Amino acid sequence: MIRIRQAICEQLPQLKNACHALEVPVRRQQLPNAGRPTVEWTLPSALAQQEGELLDSLKKHRFEEAYVEDVRIVPSAGRSAAKIVFQLQPQLFAEQLLQTKENAVHPSPFAAEHIVVEYSSPNIAKPFHVGHLRSTIIGNVLANLHQHLGYRTTRLNYLGDWGTQFGLLALGVQLLNVSDKEMQLSPIETLYKCYVAANKAAEQRPEIAQQARHLFAALEEGTDTTMTKQWQQYRKYTIEDLSKVYNRLGVHFDSYEWESQYSQQHIQGVLDKLRSAGLLQPEHDGREVVVVDGRRIPVIKSDGSTLYLARDIAALLERLSRFQFSRLLYVVDNGQADHFNALFKTSAALNDRLSLEQLQHVKFGRIHGMSTRQGKAVFLKDVLDEARDIMREKRSCSPTTRQNYNLDDEHVCDILGVSAVLVNVLKQRRQRDHEFSWQQALQVNGDTGIKLQYTHCRLHSLLQNFSEVDLDDIKPDWKHFATEPADALDLLYALARFDQSIWQSKEQLEACVLVNYLFGLCNAASRALKRLPVKQESCLQKQLQRLLLFHAAKRTLRQGMQLLGLRPLDQM
């Protein structure tokens, strides 16, 4: 389908950037000319002034007949923008959607654009909890979408490991006499226990807090080589531990980076530039601040140490130099809006190669109610384990579950549980707060991750029953689908909307657009499976064409699920 879009846009310079904006109408009944396939381009508001000129040029233009049979122009009326409807050559439309051989890969128009996405970014002194889940999985989907569309994409995980609280953490390790072996076995939980223990001790004995400050000062200045080495080892163990959760979530990163990379000794040059540019202003109490939208925001404390805004400015400018990015997306919760406003405006004022249009805070709301059945949810791992355990219980109690000794039940239950949690979160608009419900997340019949996995398994099972058929040798036939029950064309048009759902999801930075498309695809596939039987069909030609249709449905569903970070199952 992407080739048809490209072919239309290549023929008119006015359409060169409209490839992904061409839309397949949602309902088959709305299509003109007895359901022959169309794509539509709605004139963007930026081109409204040129509407007459553009529409005139389109009337005179002859599109390549191999792709386009007819062009219909719908002028603007009231609040409805002008629309151009391209009636496609139906046989080519069917071939593009259903052929099993890979199409030739065309260069992406976005290959020169470099998108950097920073997401997840937990603090190693605190649990990797459910609050990090949204940043982790939304950021992963956005990076996947950009990569799929051909952007050069870099995925960053920027971990918090700096600040005076880490002096407390280092002290907690000493207080609890934690061995290297203990730390290696469970670094995240062990570091959290150390932090809690040191905080408790500091509340009872004020000298403990002073001792923690001295420890951090030694770490920051690099004067205690033993502690520095130990700290680096703890970071290594933390990444190894985090990677286990990330693997379950279908998440990966190109680079793990640390707040400590931008400690005071590393960013003095940036602070000097802020001062010389007049952006860093002294306060009477010894602090230094930047003024953003009339607000005085501290960057340096009265004792001369930096706050995390200073480190974030240094990190942003260093990334601009290192990556030469086109856009940098920070996937961080709504509560940090003021921080990112200050970060973006201060950094852009300091460096004339940086514009505010290159920077975006991708905000999201909170998840409420995500805990285990015992009401505990300090660590995200506990929630994922709970999801796996509930799926195991549901499968063992289900009368339709068959004993399959070739199937790793633990692996299947883990994938199902994680799919349920991920999709339940991703299907929400990201800026809304979300109330998590185990009952809703784990339904088979509702719009859930279980539904996506179940549909994929049904399609796989059907195709496996006809594994001896070489689908590469079968040519898709539009005329066949035009005479089938309406469910065949409904599924065909659903497949045609995959490209636009990816584009809209990327444009809106909303994973829910793709999730809802996949729910619709599953519904269309389920109706088609019911109305278009293959095994019971006596006509070989119908059998083969239906297999092509279901093969394309499985391929598209699989690709969409992988973009969400899901691992599609073949059996459950």
Protein backbone atom coordinates (compact mmCIF):
# COMPACT_ATOMS: atom_id res chain seq x y z
CA MET A 1 0.00 0.00 0.00
CA ILE A 2 2.90 2.37 0.74
CA ARG A 3 4.04 2.00 -2.88
CA ILE A 4 0.65 3.24 -4.16
CA ARG A 5 0.84 6.24 -1.81
CA GLN A 6 4.36 7.05 -3.00
CA ALA A 7 3.40 6.67 -6.68
CA ILE A 8 0.54 9.19 -6.29
CA CYS A 9 2.70 11.72 -4.43
CA GLU A 10 5.68 11.43 -6.77
CA GLN A 11 3.56 12.72 -9.64
CA LEU A 12 2.68 16.07 -8.10
CA PRO A 13 5.17 18.34 -6.27
CA GLN A 14 2.30 19.72 -4.14
CA LEU A 15 1.74 16.22 -2.73
CA LYS A 16 5.38 15.31 -2.08
CA ASN A 17 4.96 15.44 1.72
CA ALA A 18 1.43 13.98 1.74
CA CYS A 19 2.35 10.30 1.28
CA HIS A 20 1.42 9.24 4.81
CA ALA A 21 -1.42 11.76 5.06
CA LEU A 22 -3.44 9.99 2.35
CA GLU A 23 -6.29 8.21 4.16
CA VAL A 24 -8.38 5.17 3.35
CA PRO A 25 -11.99 5.97 4.39
CA VAL A 26 -13.00 4.21 7.57
CA ARG A 27 -16.25 2.62 6.40
CA ARG A 28 -16.55 0.54 3.25
CA GLN A 29 -20.09 1.83 2.70
CA GLN A 30 -18.77 5.39 2.33
CA LEU A 31 -16.60 4.43 -0.64
CA PRO A 32 -17.92 5.60 -4.01
CA ASN A 33 -18.45 3.49 -7.11
CA ALA A 34 -19.67 0.24 -5.52
CA GLY A 35 -16.87 -0.04 -3.00
CA ARG A 36 -13.90 0.40 -5.32
CA PRO A 37 -10.83 1.39 -3.27
CA THR A 38 -9.95 5.03 -2.72
CA VAL A 39 -7.52 7.16 -0.76
CA GLU A 40 -8.31 10.74 0.22
CA TRP A 41 -6.15 13.78 0.87
CA THR A 42 -7.68 16.57 2.93
CA LEU A 43 -6.00 19.90 2.24
CA PRO A 44 -4.15 21.04 5.35
CA SER A 45 -5.07 24.49 6.70
CA ALA A 46 -1.60 25.78 5.71
CA LEU A 47 -2.57 25.30 2.04
CA ALA A 48 -6.09 26.72 2.32
CA GLN A 49 -5.08 29.98 0.59
CA GLN A 50 -3.78 28.02 -2.41
CA GLU A 51 -6.88 25.82 -2.71
CA GLY A 52 -8.11 27.18 -6.06
CA GLU A 53 -4.72 26.99 -7.75
CA LEU A 54 -4.01 23.52 -6.39
CA LEU A 55 -7.40 22.09 -7.36
CA ASP A 56 -7.08 23.54 -10.88
CA SER A 57 -3.70 21.88 -11.36
CA LEU A 58 -5.13 18.56 -10.17
CA LYS A 59 -8.01 18.76 -12.65
CA LYS A 60 -5.55 19.06 -15.53
CA HIS A 61 -3.16 16.40 -14.28
CA ARG A 62 -3.28 12.84 -15.61
CA PHE A 63 -2.17 10.32 -13.02
CA GLU A 64 -0.52 7.07 -13.98
CA GLU A 65 -3.37 4.68 -14.85
CA ALA A 66 -1.55 1.70 -13.38
CA TYR A 67 -2.31 3.23 -9.95
CA VAL A 68 -5.18 5.72 -10.27
CA GLU A 69 -8.41 5.18 -12.25
CA ASP A 70 -10.04 8.50 -11.46
CA VAL A 71 -9.64 11.66 -9.36
CA ARG A 72 -12.60 13.43 -7.75
CA ILE A 73 -12.30 16.87 -6.18
CA VAL A 74 -14.54 17.93 -3.30
CA PRO A 75 -14.21 21.72 -2.77
CA SER A 76 -14.26 23.19 0.73
CA ALA A 77 -17.67 23.97 2.19
CA GLY A 78 -18.13 25.78 5.49
CA ARG A 79 -15.84 24.18 8.05
CA SER A 80 -15.10 21.17 5.84
CA ALA A 81 -11.74 21.49 4.08
CA ALA A 82 -11.31 20.63 0.40
CA LYS A 83 -10.66 16.97 -0.30
CA ILE A 84 -9.12 15.08 -3.21
CA VAL A 85 -10.35 11.51 -3.68
CA PHE A 86 -8.14 9.16 -5.68
CA GLN A 87 -9.96 6.07 -6.99
CA LEU A 88 -7.34 3.34 -7.13
CA GLN A 89 -6.78 0.57 -9.66
CA PRO A 90 -8.40 -2.25 -7.64
CA GLN A 91 -6.30 -5.19 -8.83
CA LEU A 92 -3.06 -3.40 -7.94
CA PHE A 93 -4.61 -2.39 -4.59
CA ALA A 94 -5.30 -6.05 -3.76
CA GLU A 95 -1.84 -7.15 -4.90
CA GLN A 96 -0.06 -4.50 -2.82
CA LEU A 97 -1.93 -5.55 0.32
CA LEU A 98 -1.93 -9.32 -0.08
CA GLN A 99 1.18 -10.42 -1.94
CA THR A 100 3.40 -12.54 0.28
CA LYS A 101 6.74 -11.65 -1.34
CA GLU A 102 8.46 -8.63 0.16
CA ASN A 103 8.16 -5.40 -1.82
CA ALA A 104 11.35 -3.64 -2.86
CA VAL A 105 12.43 -1.25 -0.10
CA HIS A 106 12.27 2.39 -1.17
CA PRO A 107 14.43 5.03 0.53
CA SER A 108 12.59 6.77 3.35
CA PRO A 109 12.02 10.52 2.92
CA PHE A 110 12.87 10.84 6.63
CA ALA A 111 16.27 9.10 6.57
CA ALA A 112 18.13 12.41 7.05
CA GLU A 113 16.16 13.29 10.19
CA HIS A 114 17.60 12.14 13.50
CA ILE A 115 15.11 11.62 16.33
CA VAL A 116 16.43 11.11 19.86
CA VAL A 117 13.97 9.72 22.44
CA GLU A 118 14.77 9.79 26.15
CA TYR A 119 12.49 7.50 28.16
CA SER A 120 12.21 5.32 31.27
CA SER A 121 15.06 7.08 33.16
CA PRO A 122 14.60 5.62 36.67
CA ASN A 123 16.53 6.77 39.71
CA ILE A 124 18.79 4.00 41.04
CA ALA A 125 18.16 5.05 44.66
CA LYS A 126 14.44 4.31 44.35
CA PRO A 127 12.38 1.32 43.17
CA PHE A 128 11.73 0.82 39.46
CA HIS A 129 8.02 1.20 40.11
CA VAL A 130 4.79 1.39 38.13
CA GLY A 131 5.24 5.14 37.72
CA HIS A 132 8.12 4.42 35.35
CA LEU A 133 5.98 2.03 33.31
CA ARG A 134 4.25 4.70 31.25
CA SER A 135 7.47 6.52 30.35
CA THR A 136 9.14 3.21 29.46
CA ILE A 137 6.47 1.76 27.18
CA ILE A 138 5.23 5.02 25.61
CA GLY A 139 8.82 6.02 24.80
CA ASN A 140 9.50 2.59 23.36
CA VAL A 141 6.46 2.77 21.06
CA LEU A 142 7.37 6.28 19.85
CA ALA A 143 10.92 5.17 19.08
CA ASN A 144 9.58 2.09 17.26
CA LEU A 145 7.18 4.20 15.16
CA HIS A 146 9.89 6.64 14.09
CA GLN A 147 12.26 3.80 13.27
CA HIS A 148 9.56 1.99 11.27
CA LEU A 149 8.95 5.14 9.21
CA GLY A 150 12.65 5.39 8.37
CA TYR A 151 13.84 8.10 10.73
CA ARG A 152 17.31 7.67 12.18
CA THR A 153 16.39 6.92 15.79
CA THR A 154 18.42 6.90 19.01
CA ARG A 155 16.96 5.56 22.28
CA LEU A 156 18.36 6.97 25.51
CA ASN A 157 17.89 5.86 29.11
CA TYR A 158 19.14 8.66 31.38
CA LEU A 159 19.46 7.23 34.88
CA GLY A 160 19.52 9.32 38.05
CA ASP A 161 22.63 8.50 40.08
CA TRP A 162 23.71 11.90 41.40
CA GLY A 163 22.87 14.42 44.11
CA THR A 164 23.24 14.46 47.89
CA GLN A 165 20.73 11.61 48.30
CA PHE A 166 23.38 9.32 46.84
CA GLY A 167 25.62 10.13 49.78
CA LEU A 168 22.85 8.64 51.93
CA LEU A 169 22.71 5.64 49.64
CA ALA A 170 26.49 5.08 49.89
CA LEU A 171 26.22 5.41 53.65
CA GLY A 172 23.33 2.92 53.76
CA VAL A 173 25.53 0.36 51.99
CA GLN A 174 28.09 0.81 54.79
CA LEU A 175 25.49 0.75 57.58
CA LEU A 176 23.97 -2.53 56.37
CA ASN A 177 27.42 -3.95 55.53
CA VAL A 178 26.18 -5.05 52.09
CA SER A 179 28.53 -7.44 50.30
CA ASP A 180 29.27 -7.25 46.59
CA LYS A 181 27.56 -10.64 46.15
CA GLU A 182 24.33 -9.40 47.79
CA MET A 183 24.37 -6.31 45.60
CA GLN A 184 24.91 -8.35 42.45
CA LEU A 185 22.01 -10.71 43.24
CA SER A 186 19.38 -7.97 43.59
CA PRO A 187 20.86 -4.49 43.10
CA ILE A 188 17.66 -2.44 42.76
CA GLU A 189 15.94 -3.85 45.84
CA THR A 190 19.20 -3.84 47.85
CA LEU A 191 19.97 -0.20 47.01
CA TYR A 192 16.43 0.73 47.98
CA LYS A 193 16.82 -0.99 51.38
CA CYS A 194 20.12 0.85 51.90
CA TYR A 195 18.49 4.18 51.08
CA VAL A 196 15.59 3.54 53.47
CA ALA A 197 17.98 2.45 56.25
CA ALA A 198 20.20 5.55 55.85
CA ASN A 199 17.18 7.88 55.80
CA LYS A 200 15.86 6.33 59.01
CA ALA A 201 19.26 6.67 60.67
CA ALA A 202 19.58 10.31 59.54
CA GLU A 203 16.20 11.15 61.14
CA GLN A 204 17.44 9.85 64.49
CA ARG A 205 21.02 11.16 64.34
CA PRO A 206 21.72 14.51 62.56
CA GLU A 207 25.41 13.69 62.20
CA ILE A 208 24.46 10.88 59.82
CA ALA A 209 23.12 13.39 57.27
CA GLN A 210 26.38 15.36 57.56
CA GLN A 211 28.36 12.17 57.05
CA ALA A 212 26.29 11.41 53.92
CA ARG A 213 27.05 14.88 52.52
CA HIS A 214 30.78 14.28 53.04
CA LEU A 215 30.53 10.91 51.32
CA PHE A 216 28.81 12.45 48.30
CA ALA A 217 31.35 15.29 48.19
CA ALA A 218 34.14 12.68 48.04
CA LEU A 219 32.27 10.87 45.27
CA GLU A 220 31.68 14.12 43.34
CA GLU A 221 35.30 15.25 43.65
CA GLY A 222 36.64 11.78 42.84
CA THR A 223 38.90 11.72 45.92
CA ASP A 224 37.73 8.29 47.14
CA THR A 225 38.79 5.91 44.36
CA THR A 226 37.50 2.81 46.18
CA MET A 227 34.00 4.27 46.50
CA THR A 228 34.08 5.52 42.89
CA LYS A 229 34.95 2.02 41.66
CA GLN A 230 32.25 0.50 43.88
CA TRP A 231 29.69 3.00 42.56
CA GLN A 232 30.53 2.11 38.95
CA GLN A 233 30.07 -1.57 39.80
CA TYR A 234 26.65 -0.87 41.38
CA ARG A 235 25.58 0.94 38.21
CA LYS A 236 26.63 -2.06 36.12
CA TYR A 237 24.62 -4.43 38.33
CA THR A 238 21.61 -2.04 38.16
CA ILE A 239 21.57 -2.09 34.35
CA GLU A 240 21.77 -5.90 34.36
CA ASP A 241 18.82 -6.04 36.77
CA LEU A 242 16.77 -3.45 34.87
CA SER A 243 17.42 -5.29 31.60
CA LYS A 244 15.42 -8.28 32.90
CA VAL A 245 12.31 -6.09 33.26
CA TYR A 246 12.99 -4.28 30.00
CA ASN A 247 13.25 -7.59 28.13
CA ARG A 248 9.85 -8.63 29.48
CA LEU A 249 8.40 -5.31 28.30
CA GLY A 250 9.93 -5.63 24.81
CA VAL A 251 12.05 -2.52 25.45
CA HIS A 252 15.66 -1.78 24.52
CA PHE A 253 18.01 1.21 24.45
CA ASP A 254 20.90 2.32 22.29
CA SER A 255 22.60 4.01 25.21
CA TYR A 256 22.44 4.04 29.00
CA GLU A 257 23.58 7.42 30.29
CA TRP A 258 24.01 8.79 33.79
CA GLU A 259 23.32 12.07 35.53
CA SER A 260 26.82 11.79 37.04
CA GLN A 261 28.28 12.33 33.55
CA TYR A 262 27.27 15.96 34.07
CA SER A 263 28.58 16.53 37.61
CA GLN A 264 29.94 19.97 38.48
CA GLN A 265 33.49 19.24 37.41
CA HIS A 266 32.24 18.19 33.96
CA ILE A 267 29.90 21.13 33.30
CA GLN A 268 31.88 24.14 34.49
CA GLY A 269 32.17 25.35 30.89
CA VAL A 270 28.37 25.40 30.51
CA LEU A 271 27.96 27.34 33.76
CA ASP A 272 30.57 29.88 32.60
CA LYS A 273 28.65 30.32 29.30
CA LEU A 274 25.38 30.86 31.18
CA ARG A 275 27.07 33.57 33.25
CA SER A 276 28.75 35.30 30.32
CA ALA A 277 25.43 35.28 28.39
CA GLY A 278 23.76 36.99 31.32
CA LEU A 279 21.36 34.05 31.77
CA LEU A 280 22.65 33.01 35.20
CA GLN A 281 21.90 35.70 37.77
CA PRO A 282 23.14 35.93 41.41
CA GLU A 283 20.70 36.08 44.33
CA HIS A 284 21.43 37.81 47.66
CA ASP A 285 21.59 34.44 49.46
CA GLY A 286 24.38 33.13 47.21
CA ARG A 287 22.21 31.07 44.85
CA GLU A 288 22.30 31.59 41.10
CA VAL A 289 19.10 31.49 39.05
CA VAL A 290 17.75 31.72 35.50
CA VAL A 291 14.67 33.83 34.77
CA VAL A 292 12.05 32.04 32.64
CA ASP A 293 8.63 33.59 31.96
CA GLY A 294 9.12 35.89 34.95
CA ARG A 295 9.98 33.02 37.33
CA ARG A 296 13.39 32.87 39.05
CA ILE A 297 14.48 29.23 38.91
CA PRO A 298 17.52 28.06 40.93
CA VAL A 299 20.38 26.43 39.02
CA ILE A 300 23.18 26.63 41.62
CA LYS A 301 22.67 26.30 45.37
CA SER A 302 24.16 28.73 47.88
CA ASP A 303 26.94 26.21 48.68
CA GLY A 304 27.98 26.25 45.02
CA SER A 305 26.69 22.77 44.12
CA THR A 306 24.50 22.31 41.01
CA LEU A 307 20.83 21.43 40.86
CA TYR A 308 19.52 18.99 38.26
CA LEU A 309 18.38 21.79 35.91
CA ALA A 310 22.07 22.67 35.46
CA ARG A 311 22.93 19.05 34.68
CA ASP A 312 19.99 18.75 32.26
CA ILE A 313 21.07 21.91 30.38
CA ALA A 314 24.59 20.49 30.06
CA ALA A 315 23.22 17.11 28.93
CA LEU A 316 20.95 18.71 26.30
CA LEU A 317 23.73 20.83 24.80
CA GLU A 318 26.13 17.89 24.80
CA ARG A 319 23.52 15.75 22.98
CA LEU A 320 23.02 18.47 20.38
CA SER A 321 26.73 18.38 19.68
CA ARG A 322 27.01 14.58 19.75
CA PHE A 323 23.84 13.56 17.87
CA GLN A 324 23.06 16.64 15.72
CA PHE A 325 19.42 15.69 16.31
CA SER A 326 16.44 17.01 14.37
CA ARG A 327 14.17 16.47 17.39
CA LEU A 328 14.66 15.41 20.97
CA LEU A 329 11.66 13.89 22.79
CA TYR A 330 11.59 13.64 26.60
CA VAL A 331 8.94 11.14 27.72
CA VAL A 332 8.30 12.31 31.28
CA ASP A 333 5.17 12.76 33.41
CA ASN A 334 2.95 15.86 33.46
CA GLY A 335 4.41 17.06 36.76
CA GLN A 336 7.70 18.05 35.12
CA ALA A 337 6.19 20.58 32.68
CA ASP A 338 7.73 23.64 34.40
CA HIS A 339 11.15 21.99 34.53
CA PHE A 340 11.15 21.26 30.79
CA ASN A 341 9.87 24.74 29.96
CA ALA A 342 12.86 26.18 31.84
CA LEU A 343 15.25 23.63 30.32
CA PHE A 344 14.15 24.24 26.72
CA LYS A 345 14.02 28.06 26.88
CA THR A 346 17.32 28.42 28.72
CA SER A 347 19.16 26.00 26.43
CA ALA A 348 17.75 27.60 23.25
CA ALA A 349 18.75 31.05 24.53
CA LEU A 350 22.30 29.79 25.15
CA ASN A 351 22.85 28.06 21.80
CA ASP A 352 21.65 29.61 18.53
CA ARG A 353 21.85 26.21 16.75
CA LEU A 354 18.99 25.00 18.96
CA SER A 355 15.35 25.96 18.45
CA LEU A 356 12.34 25.27 20.64
CA GLU A 357 10.71 23.40 17.72
CA GLN A 358 13.39 20.69 18.08
CA LEU A 359 12.46 19.95 21.69
CA GLN A 360 9.33 18.32 23.04
CA HIS A 361 8.19 17.19 26.45
CA VAL A 362 5.92 14.18 25.78
CA LYS A 363 3.70 14.37 28.87
CA PHE A 364 1.65 11.61 30.43
CA GLY A 365 -0.67 11.19 33.42
CA ARG A 366 -0.43 8.85 36.38
CA ILE A 367 -1.57 5.25 36.78
CA HIS A 368 -3.69 4.62 39.88
CA GLY A 369 -4.62 1.28 41.39
CA MET A 370 -1.82 -0.81 39.87
CA SER A 371 -0.90 -3.10 42.73
CA THR A 372 -0.80 -6.80 43.47
CA ARG A 373 -3.85 -8.50 44.97
CA GLN A 374 -2.19 -8.09 48.37
CA GLY A 375 -2.16 -4.34 47.74
CA LYS A 376 1.63 -4.15 47.42
CA ALA A 377 3.38 -2.70 44.40
CA VAL A 378 6.73 -1.18 45.27
CA PHE A 379 8.44 -2.74 42.28
CA LEU A 380 7.15 -3.07 38.71
CA LYS A 381 8.56 -6.60 38.63
CA ASP A 382 5.97 -7.57 41.30
CA VAL A 383 3.10 -6.32 39.09
CA LEU A 384 4.41 -8.21 36.04
CA ASP A 385 4.83 -11.37 38.14
CA GLU A 386 1.27 -10.94 39.41
CA ALA A 387 -0.03 -10.63 35.83
CA ARG A 388 1.80 -13.85 34.89
CA ASP A 389 0.42 -15.69 37.94
CA ILE A 390 -3.17 -14.58 37.25
CA MET A 391 -2.89 -15.74 33.63
CA ARG A 392 -1.59 -19.11 34.84
CA GLU A 393 -4.62 -19.45 37.15
CA LYS A 394 -7.05 -18.43 34.37
CA ARG A 395 -5.54 -20.90 31.91
CA SER A 396 -5.59 -23.79 34.40
CA CYS A 397 -9.27 -23.10 35.21
CA SER A 398 -10.38 -22.64 31.60
CA PRO A 399 -12.24 -25.63 30.08
CA THR A 400 -10.85 -24.74 26.62
CA THR A 401 -7.17 -24.96 27.63
CA ARG A 402 -5.61 -28.04 26.06
CA GLN A 403 -2.61 -29.87 27.44
CA ASN A 404 0.35 -29.13 25.17
CA TYR A 405 3.67 -30.58 26.28
CA ASN A 406 5.53 -28.66 23.55
CA LEU A 407 4.41 -25.36 25.04
CA ASP A 408 6.36 -23.59 27.80
CA ASP A 409 3.42 -22.59 30.01
CA GLU A 410 5.47 -20.23 32.18
CA HIS A 411 6.76 -18.40 29.11
CA VAL A 412 3.26 -18.15 27.56
CA CYS A 413 1.69 -16.91 30.81
CA ASP A 414 4.39 -14.29 31.22
CA ILE A 415 3.87 -12.98 27.68
CA LEU A 416 0.08 -12.93 28.13
CA GLY A 417 0.35 -11.14 31.48
CA VAL A 418 2.76 -8.53 30.16
CA SER A 419 0.61 -8.05 27.03
CA ALA A 420 -2.43 -7.42 29.24
CA VAL A 421 -0.62 -4.81 31.35
CA LEU A 422 1.02 -3.03 28.39
CA VAL A 423 -2.09 -2.75 26.24
CA ASN A 424 -4.28 -1.69 29.17
CA VAL A 425 -1.92 1.26 29.69
CA LEU A 426 -1.17 2.05 26.03
CA LYS A 427 -4.82 2.16 24.93
CA GLN A 428 -5.41 5.25 27.10
CA ARG A 429 -4.77 8.81 25.93
CA ARG A 430 -1.37 9.44 27.47
CA GLN A 431 -2.11 12.74 29.26
CA ARG A 432 -5.06 11.30 31.15
CA ASP A 433 -4.66 9.77 34.59
CA HIS A 434 -5.56 6.11 34.37
CA GLU A 435 -7.25 3.79 36.88
CA PHE A 436 -5.81 0.31 36.38
CA SER A 437 -8.14 -2.69 36.70
CA TRP A 438 -6.97 -6.31 36.67
CA GLN A 439 -10.44 -7.47 35.62
CA GLN A 440 -10.50 -5.21 32.55
CA ALA A 441 -6.87 -5.83 31.62
CA LEU A 442 -7.21 -9.63 31.56
CA GLN A 443 -10.47 -9.99 29.59
CA VAL A 444 -10.36 -12.10 26.44
CA ASN A 445 -13.45 -10.57 24.82
CA GLY A 446 -12.85 -6.88 25.54
CA ASP A 447 -10.28 -4.57 23.95
CA THR A 448 -7.23 -6.03 25.67
CA GLY A 449 -3.75 -7.37 25.00
CA ILE A 450 -5.19 -10.89 25.43
CA LYS A 451 -7.53 -10.21 22.49
CA LEU A 452 -4.57 -9.25 20.25
CA GLN A 453 -2.67 -12.41 21.22
CA TYR A 454 -5.75 -14.62 20.83
CA THR A 455 -6.50 -13.29 17.32
CA HIS A 456 -2.88 -13.76 16.28
CA CYS A 457 -2.98 -17.36 17.54
CA ARG A 458 -6.25 -18.06 15.65
CA LEU A 459 -4.78 -16.77 12.40
CA HIS A 460 -1.55 -18.71 12.93
CA SER A 461 -3.45 -21.93 13.64
CA LEU A 462 -5.51 -21.56 10.45
CA LEU A 463 -2.41 -20.94 8.31
CA GLN A 464 -0.58 -23.85 9.95
CA ASN A 465 -3.38 -26.19 8.85
CA PHE A 466 -2.56 -25.23 5.25
CA SER A 467 1.23 -25.02 5.64
CA GLU A 468 1.71 -27.16 2.53
CA VAL A 469 0.22 -24.37 0.37
CA ASP A 470 2.88 -22.07 -1.13
CA LEU A 471 1.20 -18.66 -0.91
CA ASP A 472 4.03 -17.05 -2.91
CA ASP A 473 2.64 -18.76 -6.02
CA ILE A 474 -0.89 -17.35 -5.61
CA LYS A 475 -1.81 -14.05 -7.24
CA PRO A 476 -4.33 -11.93 -5.33
CA ASP A 477 -7.54 -11.38 -7.28
CA TRP A 478 -9.65 -8.26 -6.63
CA LYS A 479 -12.62 -9.64 -8.57
CA HIS A 480 -12.81 -12.56 -6.17
CA PHE A 481 -13.03 -10.30 -3.09
CA ALA A 482 -15.62 -8.06 -4.76
CA THR A 483 -17.97 -11.09 -4.98
CA GLU A 484 -17.30 -12.38 -1.43
CA PRO A 485 -19.43 -11.46 1.61
CA ALA A 486 -18.83 -7.86 2.73
CA ASP A 487 -16.51 -9.05 5.52
CA ALA A 488 -13.77 -9.77 2.96
CA LEU A 489 -13.60 -6.17 1.72
CA ASP A 490 -13.99 -4.87 5.28
CA LEU A 491 -10.83 -6.75 6.27
CA LEU A 492 -9.02 -5.70 3.08
CA TYR A 493 -9.76 -2.01 3.78
CA ALA A 494 -8.75 -2.46 7.43
CA LEU A 495 -5.37 -3.74 6.22
CA ALA A 496 -5.06 -0.70 3.93
CA ARG A 497 -5.40 1.64 6.94
CA PHE A 498 -2.31 0.24 8.72
CA ASP A 499 0.11 2.78 7.21
CA GLN A 500 -2.06 5.76 8.10
CA SER A 501 -2.57 4.51 11.68
CA ILE A 502 1.21 4.38 12.15
CA TRP A 503 1.60 7.88 10.73
CA GLN A 504 -1.21 9.33 12.86
CA SER A 505 0.16 7.62 15.96
CA LYS A 506 3.58 9.15 15.28
CA GLU A 507 2.18 12.61 14.46
CA GLN A 508 0.07 12.72 17.62
CA LEU A 509 2.72 10.92 19.71
CA GLU A 510 -0.15 8.72 20.89
CA ALA A 511 0.31 4.94 21.10
CA CYS A 512 -3.47 4.58 21.56
CA VAL A 513 -4.07 5.41 17.87
CA LEU A 514 -2.18 2.28 16.81
CA VAL A 515 -3.68 0.20 19.65
CA ASN A 516 -7.23 1.11 18.63
CA TYR A 517 -6.43 0.37 14.99
CA LEU A 518 -5.25 -3.13 16.01
CA PHE A 519 -8.46 -3.71 17.98
CA GLY A 520 -10.42 -2.81 14.83
CA LEU A 521 -8.23 -5.12 12.74
CA CYS A 522 -8.88 -7.98 15.17
CA ASN A 523 -12.63 -7.36 14.99
CA ALA A 524 -12.55 -7.35 11.18
CA ALA A 525 -10.41 -10.54 11.14
CA SER A 526 -12.75 -12.30 13.60
CA ARG A 527 -15.81 -11.48 11.49
CA ALA A 528 -14.02 -12.66 8.35
CA LEU A 529 -12.89 -15.90 10.03
CA LYS A 530 -16.53 -16.58 10.89
CA ARG A 531 -18.02 -15.68 7.48
CA LEU A 532 -15.20 -16.87 5.19
CA PRO A 533 -14.36 -20.45 6.19
CA VAL A 534 -11.34 -22.04 4.54
CA LYS A 535 -11.37 -25.67 5.62
CA GLN A 536 -15.07 -26.17 4.82
CA GLU A 537 -14.85 -24.30 1.48
CA SER A 538 -15.05 -26.67 -1.52
CA CYS A 539 -13.90 -24.13 -4.14
CA LEU A 540 -10.08 -24.19 -4.29
CA GLN A 541 -9.83 -20.67 -5.72
CA LYS A 542 -11.86 -19.26 -2.81
CA GLN A 543 -9.75 -21.22 -0.33
CA LEU A 544 -6.51 -19.82 -1.71
CA GLN A 545 -7.69 -16.21 -1.88
CA ARG A 546 -9.02 -16.40 1.69
CA LEU A 547 -5.68 -17.80 2.85
CA LEU A 548 -3.93 -14.82 1.27
CA LEU A 549 -6.29 -12.48 3.11
CA PHE A 550 -5.75 -14.15 6.49
CA HIS A 551 -1.99 -14.36 5.91
CA ALA A 552 -1.91 -10.56 5.33
CA ALA A 553 -4.07 -10.03 8.46
CA LYS A 554 -1.66 -12.06 10.58
CA ARG A 555 1.40 -10.31 9.13
CA THR A 556 -0.08 -6.85 9.77
CA LEU A 557 -1.29 -7.72 13.27
CA ARG A 558 2.13 -9.15 14.12
CA GLN A 559 3.92 -6.05 12.87
CA GLY A 560 1.58 -3.76 14.82
CA MET A 561 1.98 -5.80 18.01
CA GLN A 562 5.77 -5.68 17.70
CA LEU A 563 5.63 -1.88 17.32
CA LEU A 564 3.85 -1.85 20.70
CA GLY A 565 6.62 -3.94 22.24
CA LEU A 566 4.51 -7.13 22.41
CA ARG A 567 5.87 -10.59 21.60
CA PRO A 568 3.21 -12.22 19.38
CA LEU A 569 2.35 -15.79 20.40
CA ASP A 570 1.56 -18.55 17.92
CA GLN A 571 -0.14 -20.72 20.55
CA MET A 572 -1.84 -19.99 23.85
